[in-house]
């Protein structure tokens, strides 16, 4: 019995050691930068010609990714929700075009409200969340080399209601294309768009995180839902 207790304690210690990051990754904040090839100038020129250009409103926009656990010891791990509340970009509804980006160093992990919405009935500790986030940014997303995710969207001109988006997602320097069912509500001075898609990490050259030889691992398939608002005058976040 004593040997068994020592064995269990050693296993728990090993899991904790594997989940703790060696260091916080260097990162680049979107508050003072954007992707070098982001087409902001093209949208500015379109607005100068009198075309309707809407700005993404990050305060009322959300991208949330559900990350599920796997492996023979999955019960010892956690499912997670990774979210962005800092989506940036532009929409030209009449041209059926949008370009957006996310600064990956601003991603949040396991906010209680989003975990509840995902149907999770547990809440990881603050230490577990910090370790998960650091591993995600450093080992999985490699944000020191690839600080942004890019999204390019095409729709029929002036699309509204139930539509199919042609969406290009660029992550870690790899671009993949998707056809995504979505709902668009265009109120002229404000546009709302919502939808969901699933994709595999491995399609972007990412090896899903795992420890103990895969006994505890992150499943390859991720579930992403988005709720985006764009308007002529986005709401500004108040200074804290």
Foldseek 3Di string as FASTA:
>chain_A
DVVVVVVVVVVVVVVLVVLADPDFDDADDPVPDDPPPFVPVVLVVCVVVVADKWWWFLQQKKKKKWWAKDAQVQVVDDIKIKMGSDKTWMDRQQQQKIKIKGQLVRIAMQDPVVCVVVVHPDGDDPSSRVSVSRCCCCVFQNRVQPRMKMKIWGFHHNDAAWGWIFIWIAGSNDIDTDTWIKHWDPPPQKIKIKTKDKDFSVVNVGDWDAPPVRNITIDRIMIMIIIIMIGRDHDDDDDD
